[in-house]
């Protein structure tokens, strides 16, 4: 049996929902990204991205750029950089 990673659209943003990130407000980030990104961009709540000391963390695909200690104020800047 072959296990394949889930496919993401050309533009996807993973918002960590691990315990540390949730404690630091990642649920609000998830909501902010959903309201401020183009409709062809997938916003995906993810499991722990392994960077708890820098929470909350966001990973953008396909370029695999990580953003650390993200706040809701950073969302528009991140979107402007990506799109």
Foldseek 3Di string as FASTA:
>chain_A
DDDDDDDAQQKEKEWEPEPLQVVLPSVVVLVLLVVQADPSYHYHHDYDPPPSVFYGWMFIPDVGDIDGVDDSVCNNVVRVVVD
